[in-house]
Full PDB file with SEQRES, HELIX, SHEET, SSBOND, CRYST1, ORIGX, SCALE, CONECT and MASTER records, all heavy atoms in Angstrom:
SEQRES   1 A   41  TYR VAL HIS ALA MET HIS ARG MET TRP GLN MET ASP PHE          
SEQRES   2 A   41  SER THR ARG ALA ALA GLU GLY ARG ILE SER GLU ILE ILE          
SEQRES   3 A   41  GLY GLU LYS ALA LEU GLU PHE ASP LYS THR LYS ARG ARG          
SEQRES   4 A   41  LYS GLY                                                      
HELIX    1 AA1 VAL A    2  GLU A   19  1                                  18    
HELIX    2 AA2 SER A   23  ILE A   26  1                                   4    
HELIX    3 AA3 GLU A   28  ALA A   30  5                                   3    
HELIX    4 AA4 LEU A   31  LYS A   40  1                                  10    
CRYST1    1.000    1.000    1.000  90.00  90.00  90.00 P 1           1          
ORIGX1      1.000000  0.000000  0.000000        0.00000                         
ORIGX2      0.000000  1.000000  0.000000        0.00000                         
ORIGX3      0.000000  0.000000  1.000000        0.00000                         
SCALE1      1.000000  0.000000  0.000000        0.00000                         
SCALE2      0.000000  1.000000  0.000000        0.00000                         
SCALE3      0.000000  0.000000  1.000000        0.00000                         
ATOM      1  N   TYR A   1      10.847 -11.546 -12.665  1.00  0.00           N  
ATOM      2  CA  TYR A   1      11.426 -12.213 -11.509  1.00  0.00           C  
ATOM      3  C   TYR A   1      12.638 -11.438 -10.966  1.00  0.00           C  
ATOM      4  O   TYR A   1      12.789 -11.249  -9.774  1.00  0.00           O  
ATOM      5  CB  TYR A   1      11.833 -13.642 -11.866  1.00  0.00           C  
ATOM      6  CG  TYR A   1      12.386 -14.408 -10.696  1.00  0.00           C  
ATOM      7  CD1 TYR A   1      11.539 -15.016  -9.795  1.00  0.00           C  
ATOM      8  CD2 TYR A   1      13.755 -14.482 -10.475  1.00  0.00           C  
ATOM      9  CE1 TYR A   1      12.022 -15.693  -8.705  1.00  0.00           C  
ATOM     10  CE2 TYR A   1      14.259 -15.159  -9.369  1.00  0.00           C  
ATOM     11  CZ  TYR A   1      13.393 -15.771  -8.506  1.00  0.00           C  
ATOM     12  OH  TYR A   1      13.883 -16.435  -7.413  1.00  0.00           O  
ATOM     13  N   VAL A   2      13.508 -11.003 -11.879  1.00  0.00           N  
ATOM     14  CA  VAL A   2      14.695 -10.255 -11.472  1.00  0.00           C  
ATOM     15  C   VAL A   2      14.282  -8.946 -10.796  1.00  0.00           C  
ATOM     16  O   VAL A   2      14.858  -8.546  -9.773  1.00  0.00           O  
ATOM     17  CB  VAL A   2      15.634  -9.988 -12.669  1.00  0.00           C  
ATOM     18  CG1 VAL A   2      16.722  -8.998 -12.317  1.00  0.00           C  
ATOM     19  CG2 VAL A   2      16.234 -11.299 -13.154  1.00  0.00           C  
ATOM     20  N   HIS A   3      13.280  -8.281 -11.325  1.00  0.00           N  
ATOM     21  CA  HIS A   3      12.794  -7.043 -10.735  1.00  0.00           C  
ATOM     22  C   HIS A   3      12.250  -7.305  -9.329  1.00  0.00           C  
ATOM     23  O   HIS A   3      12.551  -6.556  -8.401  1.00  0.00           O  
ATOM     24  CB  HIS A   3      11.716  -6.439 -11.639  1.00  0.00           C  
ATOM     25  CG  HIS A   3      11.237  -5.115 -11.183  1.00  0.00           C  
ATOM     26  ND1 HIS A   3      11.960  -3.959 -11.333  1.00  0.00           N  
ATOM     27  CD2 HIS A   3      10.092  -4.743 -10.539  1.00  0.00           C  
ATOM     28  CE1 HIS A   3      11.298  -2.944 -10.840  1.00  0.00           C  
ATOM     29  NE2 HIS A   3      10.174  -3.399 -10.351  1.00  0.00           N  
ATOM     30  N   ALA A   4      11.477  -8.370  -9.193  1.00  0.00           N  
ATOM     31  CA  ALA A   4      10.876  -8.675  -7.894  1.00  0.00           C  
ATOM     32  C   ALA A   4      11.909  -9.146  -6.883  1.00  0.00           C  
ATOM     33  O   ALA A   4      11.708  -9.006  -5.669  1.00  0.00           O  
ATOM     34  CB  ALA A   4       9.791  -9.735  -8.063  1.00  0.00           C  
ATOM     35  N   MET A   5      13.021  -9.692  -7.365  1.00  0.00           N  
ATOM     36  CA  MET A   5      14.066 -10.156  -6.444  1.00  0.00           C  
ATOM     37  C   MET A   5      14.514  -9.060  -5.484  1.00  0.00           C  
ATOM     38  O   MET A   5      14.758  -9.301  -4.319  1.00  0.00           O  
ATOM     39  CB  MET A   5      15.298 -10.608  -7.252  1.00  0.00           C  
ATOM     40  CG  MET A   5      15.541 -12.067  -7.227  1.00  0.00           C  
ATOM     41  SD  MET A   5      16.849 -12.632  -8.326  1.00  0.00           S  
ATOM     42  CE  MET A   5      18.145 -11.472  -8.197  1.00  0.00           C  
ATOM     43  N   HIS A   6      14.638  -7.853  -6.001  1.00  0.00           N  
ATOM     44  CA  HIS A   6      15.161  -6.762  -5.196  1.00  0.00           C  
ATOM     45  C   HIS A   6      14.087  -5.750  -4.785  1.00  0.00           C  
ATOM     46  O   HIS A   6      14.372  -4.880  -3.972  1.00  0.00           O  
ATOM     47  CB  HIS A   6      16.278  -6.017  -5.966  1.00  0.00           C  
ATOM     48  CG  HIS A   6      17.429  -6.907  -6.255  1.00  0.00           C  
ATOM     49  ND1 HIS A   6      17.800  -7.225  -7.538  1.00  0.00           N  
ATOM     50  CD2 HIS A   6      18.277  -7.555  -5.433  1.00  0.00           C  
ATOM     51  CE1 HIS A   6      18.853  -8.034  -7.483  1.00  0.00           C  
ATOM     52  NE2 HIS A   6      19.157  -8.242  -6.209  1.00  0.00           N  
ATOM     53  N   ARG A   7      12.897  -5.826  -5.337  1.00  0.00           N  
ATOM     54  CA  ARG A   7      11.892  -4.796  -5.078  1.00  0.00           C  
ATOM     55  C   ARG A   7      10.536  -5.340  -4.671  1.00  0.00           C  
ATOM     56  O   ARG A   7       9.545  -4.648  -4.835  1.00  0.00           O  
ATOM     57  CB  ARG A   7      11.728  -3.915  -6.318  1.00  0.00           C  
ATOM     58  CG  ARG A   7      12.976  -3.179  -6.665  1.00  0.00           C  
ATOM     59  CD  ARG A   7      12.707  -2.280  -7.833  1.00  0.00           C  
ATOM     60  NE  ARG A   7      13.907  -1.565  -8.198  1.00  0.00           N  
ATOM     61  CZ  ARG A   7      14.147  -0.300  -7.861  1.00  0.00           C  
ATOM     62  NH1 ARG A   7      13.266   0.368  -7.181  1.00  0.00           N  
ATOM     63  NH2 ARG A   7      15.244   0.286  -8.212  1.00  0.00           N  
ATOM     64  N   MET A   8      10.474  -6.555  -4.179  1.00  0.00           N  
ATOM     65  CA  MET A   8       9.165  -7.149  -3.852  1.00  0.00           C  
ATOM     66  C   MET A   8       8.429  -6.325  -2.788  1.00  0.00           C  
ATOM     67  O   MET A   8       7.247  -6.092  -2.900  1.00  0.00           O  
ATOM     68  CB  MET A   8       9.333  -8.591  -3.399  1.00  0.00           C  
ATOM     69  CG  MET A   8       8.003  -9.279  -3.151  1.00  0.00           C  
ATOM     70  SD  MET A   8       6.928  -9.268  -4.602  1.00  0.00           S  
ATOM     71  CE  MET A   8       7.567 -10.646  -5.478  1.00  0.00           C  
ATOM     72  N   TRP A   9       9.155  -5.886  -1.773  1.00  0.00           N  
ATOM     73  CA  TRP A   9       8.514  -5.103  -0.726  1.00  0.00           C  
ATOM     74  C   TRP A   9       7.937  -3.815  -1.293  1.00  0.00           C  
ATOM     75  O   TRP A   9       6.803  -3.446  -1.000  1.00  0.00           O  
ATOM     76  CB  TRP A   9       9.522  -4.775   0.392  1.00  0.00           C  
ATOM     77  CG  TRP A   9       8.897  -4.050   1.503  1.00  0.00           C  
ATOM     78  CD1 TRP A   9       8.250  -4.602   2.573  1.00  0.00           C  
ATOM     79  CD2 TRP A   9       8.807  -2.621   1.656  1.00  0.00           C  
ATOM     80  NE1 TRP A   9       7.794  -3.584   3.390  1.00  0.00           N  
ATOM     81  CE2 TRP A   9       8.104  -2.374   2.852  1.00  0.00           C  
ATOM     82  CE3 TRP A   9       9.247  -1.543   0.917  1.00  0.00           C  
ATOM     83  CZ2 TRP A   9       7.851  -1.088   3.301  1.00  0.00           C  
ATOM     84  CZ3 TRP A   9       8.998  -0.273   1.364  1.00  0.00           C  
ATOM     85  CH2 TRP A   9       8.296  -0.056   2.560  1.00  0.00           C  
ATOM     86  N   GLN A  10       8.710  -3.143  -2.150  1.00  0.00           N  
ATOM     87  CA  GLN A  10       8.249  -1.888  -2.753  1.00  0.00           C  
ATOM     88  C   GLN A  10       7.033  -2.125  -3.649  1.00  0.00           C  
ATOM     89  O   GLN A  10       6.088  -1.359  -3.619  1.00  0.00           O  
ATOM     90  CB  GLN A  10       9.373  -1.256  -3.563  1.00  0.00           C  
ATOM     91  CG  GLN A  10       8.955   0.028  -4.248  1.00  0.00           C  
ATOM     92  CD  GLN A  10      10.001   0.545  -5.199  1.00  0.00           C  
ATOM     93  OE1 GLN A  10      10.999  -0.113  -5.472  1.00  0.00           O  
ATOM     94  NE2 GLN A  10       9.789   1.730  -5.731  1.00  0.00           N  
ATOM     95  N   MET A  11       7.064  -3.195  -4.411  1.00  0.00           N  
ATOM     96  CA  MET A  11       5.944  -3.497  -5.309  1.00  0.00           C  
ATOM     97  C   MET A  11       4.674  -3.774  -4.501  1.00  0.00           C  
ATOM     98  O   MET A  11       3.596  -3.282  -4.832  1.00  0.00           O  
ATOM     99  CB  MET A  11       6.299  -4.688  -6.203  1.00  0.00           C  
ATOM    100  CG  MET A  11       7.385  -4.368  -7.210  1.00  0.00           C  
ATOM    101  SD  MET A  11       8.136  -5.806  -8.021  1.00  0.00           S  
ATOM    102  CE  MET A  11       6.735  -6.639  -8.691  1.00  0.00           C  
ATOM    103  N   ASP A  12       4.803  -4.553  -3.434  1.00  0.00           N  
ATOM    104  CA  ASP A  12       3.652  -4.851  -2.593  1.00  0.00           C  
ATOM    105  C   ASP A  12       3.130  -3.606  -1.900  1.00  0.00           C  
ATOM    106  O   ASP A  12       1.927  -3.354  -1.863  1.00  0.00           O  
ATOM    107  CB  ASP A  12       4.043  -5.920  -1.545  1.00  0.00           C  
ATOM    108  CG  ASP A  12       2.910  -6.276  -0.633  1.00  0.00           C  
ATOM    109  OD1 ASP A  12       1.823  -6.626  -1.159  1.00  0.00           O  
ATOM    110  OD2 ASP A  12       3.059  -6.178   0.606  1.00  0.00           O  
ATOM    111  N   PHE A  13       4.026  -2.792  -1.372  1.00  0.00           N  
ATOM    112  CA  PHE A  13       3.640  -1.574  -0.661  1.00  0.00           C  
ATOM    113  C   PHE A  13       2.956  -0.608  -1.605  1.00  0.00           C  
ATOM    114  O   PHE A  13       1.945   0.017  -1.254  1.00  0.00           O  
ATOM    115  CB  PHE A  13       4.873  -0.941  -0.004  1.00  0.00           C  
ATOM    116  CG  PHE A  13       4.537   0.034   1.077  1.00  0.00           C  
ATOM    117  CD1 PHE A  13       4.262  -0.409   2.355  1.00  0.00           C  
ATOM    118  CD2 PHE A  13       4.505   1.395   0.835  1.00  0.00           C  
ATOM    119  CE1 PHE A  13       3.959   0.478   3.367  1.00  0.00           C  
ATOM    120  CE2 PHE A  13       4.214   2.290   1.829  1.00  0.00           C  
ATOM    121  CZ  PHE A  13       3.925   1.840   3.107  1.00  0.00           C  
ATOM    122  N   SER A  14       3.461  -0.445  -2.838  1.00  0.00           N  
ATOM    123  CA  SER A  14       2.869   0.477  -3.816  1.00  0.00           C  
ATOM    124  C   SER A  14       1.458   0.020  -4.197  1.00  0.00           C  
ATOM    125  O   SER A  14       0.547   0.847  -4.340  1.00  0.00           O  
ATOM    126  CB  SER A  14       3.743   0.570  -5.059  1.00  0.00           C  
ATOM    127  OG  SER A  14       4.986   1.102  -4.750  1.00  0.00           O  
ATOM    128  N   THR A  15       1.279  -1.273  -4.373  1.00  0.00           N  
ATOM    129  CA  THR A  15      -0.058  -1.797  -4.702  1.00  0.00           C  
ATOM    130  C   THR A  15      -1.025  -1.542  -3.583  1.00  0.00           C  
ATOM    131  O   THR A  15      -2.157  -1.088  -3.801  1.00  0.00           O  
ATOM    132  CB  THR A  15       0.040  -3.311  -4.992  1.00  0.00           C  
ATOM    133  OG1 THR A  15       0.981  -3.531  -6.020  1.00  0.00           O  
ATOM    134  CG2 THR A  15      -1.307  -3.857  -5.383  1.00  0.00           C  
ATOM    135  N   ARG A  16      -0.593  -1.815  -2.355  1.00  0.00           N  
ATOM    136  CA  ARG A  16      -1.462  -1.561  -1.205  1.00  0.00           C  
ATOM    137  C   ARG A  16      -1.785  -0.061  -1.054  1.00  0.00           C  
ATOM    138  O   ARG A  16      -2.900   0.304  -0.704  1.00  0.00           O  
ATOM    139  CB  ARG A  16      -0.823  -2.087   0.072  1.00  0.00           C  
ATOM    140  CG  ARG A  16      -0.802  -3.581   0.173  1.00  0.00           C  
ATOM    141  CD  ARG A  16      -0.079  -4.023   1.437  1.00  0.00           C  
ATOM    142  NE  ARG A  16       0.197  -5.425   1.464  1.00  0.00           N  
ATOM    143  CZ  ARG A  16      -0.502  -6.309   2.155  1.00  0.00           C  
ATOM    144  NH1 ARG A  16      -1.521  -5.930   2.875  1.00  0.00           N  
ATOM    145  NH2 ARG A  16      -0.163  -7.568   2.143  1.00  0.00           N  
ATOM    146  N   ALA A  17      -0.798   0.791  -1.324  1.00  0.00           N  
ATOM    147  CA  ALA A  17      -1.020   2.229  -1.208  1.00  0.00           C  
ATOM    148  C   ALA A  17      -2.062   2.697  -2.227  1.00  0.00           C  
ATOM    149  O   ALA A  17      -2.944   3.497  -1.906  1.00  0.00           O  
ATOM    150  CB  ALA A  17       0.276   2.989  -1.395  1.00  0.00           C  
ATOM    151  N   ALA A  18      -1.999   2.210  -3.441  1.00  0.00           N  
ATOM    152  CA  ALA A  18      -2.956   2.617  -4.476  1.00  0.00           C  
ATOM    153  C   ALA A  18      -4.354   2.132  -4.150  1.00  0.00           C  
ATOM    154  O   ALA A  18      -5.337   2.826  -4.444  1.00  0.00           O  
ATOM    155  CB  ALA A  18      -2.513   2.086  -5.824  1.00  0.00           C  
ATOM    156  N   GLU A  19      -4.472   0.971  -3.534  1.00  0.00           N  
ATOM    157  CA  GLU A  19      -5.773   0.409  -3.192  1.00  0.00           C  
ATOM    158  C   GLU A  19      -6.329   0.938  -1.885  1.00  0.00           C  
ATOM    159  O   GLU A  19      -7.472   0.694  -1.554  1.00  0.00           O  
ATOM    160  CB  GLU A  19      -5.687  -1.123  -3.121  1.00  0.00           C  
ATOM    161  CG  GLU A  19      -5.436  -1.790  -4.449  1.00  0.00           C  
ATOM    162  CD  GLU A  19      -5.317  -3.292  -4.323  1.00  0.00           C  
ATOM    163  OE1 GLU A  19      -5.312  -3.809  -3.177  1.00  0.00           O  
ATOM    164  OE2 GLU A  19      -5.227  -3.954  -5.347  1.00  0.00           O  
ATOM    165  N   GLY A  20      -5.504   1.619  -1.093  1.00  0.00           N  
ATOM    166  CA  GLY A  20      -5.952   2.097   0.213  1.00  0.00           C  
ATOM    167  C   GLY A  20      -5.922   1.002   1.265  1.00  0.00           C  
ATOM    168  O   GLY A  20      -6.844   0.871   2.049  1.00  0.00           O  
ATOM    169  N   ARG A  21      -4.859   0.205   1.272  1.00  0.00           N  
ATOM    170  CA  ARG A  21      -4.739  -0.913   2.199  1.00  0.00           C  
ATOM    171  C   ARG A  21      -3.462  -0.847   3.035  1.00  0.00           C  
ATOM    172  O   ARG A  21      -2.989  -1.855   3.526  1.00  0.00           O  
ATOM    173  CB  ARG A  21      -4.780  -2.230   1.422  1.00  0.00           C  
ATOM    174  CG  ARG A  21      -6.087  -2.463   0.722  1.00  0.00           C  
ATOM    175  CD  ARG A  21      -6.081  -3.717  -0.165  1.00  0.00           C  
ATOM    176  NE  ARG A  21      -5.442  -4.833   0.492  1.00  0.00           N  
ATOM    177  CZ  ARG A  21      -4.677  -5.710  -0.145  1.00  0.00           C  
ATOM    178  NH1 ARG A  21      -4.439  -5.597  -1.416  1.00  0.00           N  
ATOM    179  NH2 ARG A  21      -4.137  -6.716   0.512  1.00  0.00           N  
ATOM    180  N   ILE A  22      -2.884   0.326   3.214  1.00  0.00           N  
ATOM    181  CA  ILE A  22      -1.642   0.477   3.989  1.00  0.00           C  
ATOM    182  C   ILE A  22      -1.854   0.158   5.471  1.00  0.00           C  
ATOM    183  O   ILE A  22      -0.966  -0.341   6.134  1.00  0.00           O  
ATOM    184  CB  ILE A  22      -1.066   1.903   3.801  1.00  0.00           C  
ATOM    185  CG1 ILE A  22      -0.603   2.088   2.367  1.00  0.00           C  
ATOM    186  CG2 ILE A  22       0.085   2.164   4.746  1.00  0.00           C  
ATOM    187  CD1 ILE A  22       0.558   1.244   1.949  1.00  0.00           C  
ATOM    188  N   SER A  23      -3.036   0.454   5.969  1.00  0.00           N  
ATOM    189  CA  SER A  23      -3.290   0.207   7.388  1.00  0.00           C  
ATOM    190  C   SER A  23      -3.224  -1.278   7.755  1.00  0.00           C  
ATOM    191  O   SER A  23      -3.069  -1.614   8.904  1.00  0.00           O  
ATOM    192  CB  SER A  23      -4.632   0.798   7.812  1.00  0.00           C  
ATOM    193  OG  SER A  23      -5.670   0.231   7.064  1.00  0.00           O  
ATOM    194  N   GLU A  24      -3.314  -2.176   6.758  1.00  0.00           N  
ATOM    195  CA  GLU A  24      -3.145  -3.592   7.035  1.00  0.00           C  
ATOM    196  C   GLU A  24      -1.732  -3.878   7.528  1.00  0.00           C  
ATOM    197  O   GLU A  24      -1.515  -4.825   8.275  1.00  0.00           O  
ATOM    198  CB  GLU A  24      -3.405  -4.409   5.774  1.00  0.00           C  
ATOM    199  CG  GLU A  24      -4.831  -4.373   5.297  1.00  0.00           C  
ATOM    200  CD  GLU A  24      -5.016  -5.086   3.967  1.00  0.00           C  
ATOM    201  OE1 GLU A  24      -4.066  -5.699   3.465  1.00  0.00           O  
ATOM    202  OE2 GLU A  24      -6.145  -5.039   3.447  1.00  0.00           O  
ATOM    203  N   ILE A  25      -0.779  -3.081   7.093  1.00  0.00           N  
ATOM    204  CA  ILE A  25       0.627  -3.268   7.487  1.00  0.00           C  
ATOM    205  C   ILE A  25       0.989  -2.387   8.654  1.00  0.00           C  
ATOM    206  O   ILE A  25       1.548  -2.856   9.655  1.00  0.00           O  
ATOM    207  CB  ILE A  25       1.566  -2.949   6.295  1.00  0.00           C  
ATOM    208  CG1 ILE A  25       1.257  -3.867   5.120  1.00  0.00           C  
ATOM    209  CG2 ILE A  25       3.012  -3.092   6.709  1.00  0.00           C  
ATOM    210  CD1 ILE A  25       1.965  -3.456   3.857  1.00  0.00           C  
ATOM    211  N   ILE A  26       0.691  -1.103   8.530  1.00  0.00           N  
ATOM    212  CA  ILE A  26       1.154  -0.117   9.514  1.00  0.00           C  
ATOM    213  C   ILE A  26       0.251  -0.033  10.735  1.00  0.00           C  
ATOM    214  O   ILE A  26       0.706   0.154  11.839  1.00  0.00           O  
ATOM    215  CB  ILE A  26       1.288   1.263   8.822  1.00  0.00           C  
ATOM    216  CG1 ILE A  26       2.370   1.184   7.754  1.00  0.00           C  
ATOM    217  CG2 ILE A  26       1.607   2.345   9.823  1.00  0.00           C  
ATOM    218  CD1 ILE A  26       2.540   2.420   6.955  1.00  0.00           C  
ATOM    219  N   GLY A  27      -1.047  -0.154  10.519  1.00  0.00           N  
ATOM    220  CA  GLY A  27      -1.972  -0.047  11.629  1.00  0.00           C  
ATOM    221  C   GLY A  27      -2.846   1.182  11.515  1.00  0.00           C  
ATOM    222  O   GLY A  27      -3.021   1.763  10.449  1.00  0.00           O  
ATOM    223  N   GLU A  28      -3.377   1.608  12.644  1.00  0.00           N  
ATOM    224  CA  GLU A  28      -4.366   2.692  12.678  1.00  0.00           C  
ATOM    225  C   GLU A  28      -3.792   4.024  12.231  1.00  0.00           C  
ATOM    226  O   GLU A  28      -4.548   4.916  11.858  1.00  0.00           O  
ATOM    227  CB  GLU A  28      -4.947   2.829  14.091  1.00  0.00           C  
ATOM    228  CG  GLU A  28      -5.836   1.674  14.474  1.00  0.00           C  
ATOM    229  CD  GLU A  28      -6.469   1.873  15.830  1.00  0.00           C  
ATOM    230  OE1 GLU A  28      -6.595   3.051  16.249  1.00  0.00           O  
ATOM    231  OE2 GLU A  28      -6.865   0.875  16.433  1.00  0.00           O  
ATOM    232  N   LYS A  29      -2.489   4.208  12.254  1.00  0.00           N  
ATOM    233  CA  LYS A  29      -1.890   5.461  11.845  1.00  0.00           C  
ATOM    234  C   LYS A  29      -2.187   5.792  10.388  1.00  0.00           C  
ATOM    235  O   LYS A  29      -2.183   6.968  10.011  1.00  0.00           O  
ATOM    236  CB  LYS A  29      -0.378   5.430  12.027  1.00  0.00           C  
ATOM    237  CG  LYS A  29       0.074   5.355  13.462  1.00  0.00           C  
ATOM    238  CD  LYS A  29       1.574   5.308  13.559  1.00  0.00           C  
ATOM    239  CE  LYS A  29       2.019   5.200  15.005  1.00  0.00           C  
ATOM    240  NZ  LYS A  29       3.476   5.157  15.123  1.00  0.00           N  
ATOM    241  N   ALA A  30      -2.442   4.786   9.563  1.00  0.00           N  
ATOM    242  CA  ALA A  30      -2.635   5.002   8.145  1.00  0.00           C  
ATOM    243  C   ALA A  30      -4.089   4.994   7.716  1.00  0.00           C  
ATOM    244  O   ALA A  30      -4.383   5.007   6.516  1.00  0.00           O  
ATOM    245  CB  ALA A  30      -1.870   3.937   7.365  1.00  0.00           C  
ATOM    246  N   LEU A  31      -5.024   5.014   8.654  1.00  0.00           N  
ATOM    247  CA  LEU A  31      -6.438   4.933   8.290  1.00  0.00           C  
ATOM    248  C   LEU A  31      -6.901   6.130   7.450  1.00  0.00           C  
ATOM    249  O   LEU A  31      -7.625   5.944   6.456  1.00  0.00           O  
ATOM    250  CB  LEU A  31      -7.303   4.816   9.541  1.00  0.00           C  
ATOM    251  CG  LEU A  31      -7.393   3.405  10.125  1.00  0.00           C  
ATOM    252  CD1 LEU A  31      -8.223   3.421  11.408  1.00  0.00           C  
ATOM    253  CD2 LEU A  31      -7.960   2.419   9.137  1.00  0.00           C  
ATOM    254  N   GLU A  32      -6.488   7.315   7.800  1.00  0.00           N  
ATOM    255  CA  GLU A  32      -6.890   8.498   7.028  1.00  0.00           C  
ATOM    256  C   GLU A  32      -6.337   8.437   5.614  1.00  0.00           C  
ATOM    257  O   GLU A  32      -7.005   8.794   4.650  1.00  0.00           O  
ATOM    258  CB  GLU A  32      -6.453   9.787   7.747  1.00  0.00           C  
ATOM    259  CG  GLU A  32      -7.251  10.095   8.969  1.00  0.00           C  
ATOM    260  CD  GLU A  32      -8.762  10.192   8.706  1.00  0.00           C  
ATOM    261  OE1 GLU A  32      -9.141  10.817   7.697  1.00  0.00           O  
ATOM    262  OE2 GLU A  32      -9.535   9.641   9.487  1.00  0.00           O  
ATOM    263  N   PHE A  33      -5.089   7.990   5.474  1.00  0.00           N  
ATOM    264  CA  PHE A  33      -4.476   7.832   4.166  1.00  0.00           C  
ATOM    265  C   PHE A  33      -5.298   6.825   3.331  1.00  0.00           C  
ATOM    266  O   PHE A  33      -5.606   7.061   2.161  1.00  0.00           O  
ATOM    267  CB  PHE A  33      -3.026   7.345   4.309  1.00  0.00           C  
ATOM    268  CG  PHE A  33      -2.348   7.070   3.015  1.00  0.00           C  
ATOM    269  CD1 PHE A  33      -1.781   8.089   2.285  1.00  0.00           C  
ATOM    270  CD2 PHE A  33      -2.285   5.771   2.511  1.00  0.00           C  
ATOM    271  CE1 PHE A  33      -1.133   7.836   1.075  1.00  0.00           C  
ATOM    272  CE2 PHE A  33      -1.648   5.506   1.318  1.00  0.00           C  
ATOM    273  CZ  PHE A  33      -1.082   6.538   0.602  1.00  0.00           C  
ATOM    274  N   ASP A  34      -5.646   5.691   3.959  1.00  0.00           N  
ATOM    275  CA  ASP A  34      -6.429   4.666   3.253  1.00  0.00           C  
ATOM    276  C   ASP A  34      -7.799   5.206   2.839  1.00  0.00           C  
ATOM    277  O   ASP A  34      -8.280   4.921   1.724  1.00  0.00           O  
ATOM    278  CB  ASP A  34      -6.602   3.439   4.128  1.00  0.00           C  
ATOM    279  CG  ASP A  34      -5.332   2.605   4.212  1.00  0.00           C  
ATOM    280  OD1 ASP A  34      -4.395   2.876   3.443  1.00  0.00           O  
ATOM    281  OD2 ASP A  34      -5.281   1.677   5.048  1.00  0.00           O  
ATOM    282  N   LYS A  35      -8.440   5.931   3.718  1.00  0.00           N  
ATOM    283  CA  LYS A  35      -9.753   6.492   3.381  1.00  0.00           C  
ATOM    284  C   LYS A  35      -9.673   7.432   2.171  1.00  0.00           C  
ATOM    285  O   LYS A  35     -10.530   7.381   1.287  1.00  0.00           O  
ATOM    286  CB  LYS A  35     -10.345   7.245   4.585  1.00  0.00           C  
ATOM    287  CG  LYS A  35     -10.802   6.340   5.709  1.00  0.00           C  
ATOM    288  CD  LYS A  35     -11.292   7.167   6.878  1.00  0.00           C  
ATOM    289  CE  LYS A  35     -11.640   6.299   8.061  1.00  0.00           C  
ATOM    290  NZ  LYS A  35     -12.066   7.095   9.227  1.00  0.00           N  
ATOM    291  N   THR A  36      -8.656   8.259   2.151  1.00  0.00           N  
ATOM    292  CA  THR A  36      -8.442   9.165   1.013  1.00  0.00           C  
ATOM    293  C   THR A  36      -8.240   8.406  -0.275  1.00  0.00           C  
ATOM    294  O   THR A  36      -8.821   8.715  -1.311  1.00  0.00           O  
ATOM    295  CB  THR A  36      -7.254  10.092   1.282  1.00  0.00           C  
ATOM    296  OG1 THR A  36      -7.472  10.794   2.505  1.00  0.00           O  
ATOM    297  CG2 THR A  36      -7.047  11.078   0.158  1.00  0.00           C  
ATOM    298  N   LYS A  37      -7.397   7.392  -0.249  1.00  0.00           N  
ATOM    299  CA  LYS A  37      -7.109   6.595  -1.433  1.00  0.00           C  
ATOM    300  C   LYS A  37      -8.353   5.848  -1.916  1.00  0.00           C  
ATOM    301  O   LYS A  37      -8.604   5.738  -3.111  1.00  0.00           O  
ATOM    302  CB  LYS A  37      -5.984   5.598  -1.179  1.00  0.00           C  
ATOM    303  CG  LYS A  37      -4.648   6.246  -1.068  1.00  0.00           C  
ATOM    304  CD  LYS A  37      -4.240   6.843  -2.395  1.00  0.00           C  
ATOM    305  CE  LYS A  37      -2.843   7.404  -2.342  1.00  0.00           C  
ATOM    306  NZ  LYS A  37      -2.355   7.860  -3.615  1.00  0.00           N  
ATOM    307  N   ARG A  38      -9.116   5.310  -0.978  1.00  0.00           N  
ATOM    308  CA  ARG A  38     -10.342   4.583  -1.379  1.00  0.00           C  
ATOM    309  C   ARG A  38     -11.394   5.521  -1.962  1.00  0.00           C  
ATOM    310  O   ARG A  38     -12.132   5.127  -2.847  1.00  0.00           O  
ATOM    311  CB  ARG A  38     -10.894   3.801  -0.195  1.00  0.00           C  
ATOM    312  CG  ARG A  38     -10.013   2.607   0.149  1.00  0.00           C  
ATOM    313  CD  ARG A  38     -10.594   1.754   1.218  1.00  0.00           C  
ATOM    314  NE  ARG A  38      -9.657   0.681   1.547  1.00  0.00           N  
ATOM    315  CZ  ARG A  38     -10.016  -0.421   2.142  1.00  0.00           C  
ATOM    316  NH1 ARG A  38     -11.260  -0.605   2.514  1.00  0.00           N  
ATOM    317  NH2 ARG A  38      -9.117  -1.337   2.393  1.00  0.00           N  
ATOM    318  N   ARG A  39     -11.444   6.757  -1.459  1.00  0.00           N  
ATOM    319  CA  ARG A  39     -12.383   7.729  -2.048  1.00  0.00           C  
ATOM    320  C   ARG A  39     -12.026   8.033  -3.487  1.00  0.00           C  
ATOM    321  O   ARG A  39     -12.900   8.294  -4.327  1.00  0.00           O  
ATOM    322  CB  ARG A  39     -12.372   9.025  -1.226  1.00  0.00           C  
ATOM    323  CG  ARG A  39     -13.241   8.966  -0.015  1.00  0.00           C  
ATOM    324  CD  ARG A  39     -13.340  10.341   0.668  1.00  0.00           C  
ATOM    325  NE  ARG A  39     -13.440  10.128   2.085  1.00  0.00           N  
ATOM    326  CZ  ARG A  39     -12.538  10.463   2.985  1.00  0.00           C  
ATOM    327  NH1 ARG A  39     -11.445  11.081   2.612  1.00  0.00           N  
ATOM    328  NH2 ARG A  39     -12.722  10.218   4.245  1.00  0.00           N  
ATOM    329  N   LYS A  40     -10.738   8.026  -3.801  1.00  0.00           N  
ATOM    330  CA  LYS A  40     -10.304   8.294  -5.183  1.00  0.00           C  
ATOM    331  C   LYS A  40     -10.658   7.148  -6.114  1.00  0.00           C  
ATOM    332  O   LYS A  40     -10.795   7.356  -7.327  1.00  0.00           O  
ATOM    333  CB  LYS A  40      -8.790   8.543  -5.220  1.00  0.00           C  
ATOM    334  CG  LYS A  40      -8.414   9.841  -4.569  1.00  0.00           C  
ATOM    335  CD  LYS A  40      -6.907  10.067  -4.635  1.00  0.00           C  
ATOM    336  CE  LYS A  40      -6.556  11.368  -3.933  1.00  0.00           C  
ATOM    337  NZ  LYS A  40      -5.118  11.605  -3.961  1.00  0.00           N  
ATOM    338  N   GLY A  41     -10.808   5.946  -5.600  1.00  0.00           N  
ATOM    339  CA  GLY A  41     -11.262   4.800  -6.390  1.00  0.00           C  
ATOM    340  C   GLY A  41     -10.275   4.295  -7.432  1.00  0.00           C  
ATOM    341  O   GLY A  41     -10.679   3.879  -8.516  1.00  0.00           O  
TER     342      GLY A  41                                                      
MASTER        0    0    0    4    0    0    0    6  341    1    0    4          
END                                                                             
């Protein structure tokens, strides 16, 4: 809880980046990044 108090945005963003879901937040600019991450599985 204490960790999430100050880093919730970072934790959420890191999870989305690993899964290839950054374009849900940023938009079409991140589609190529998401495709690369999803290919890595």
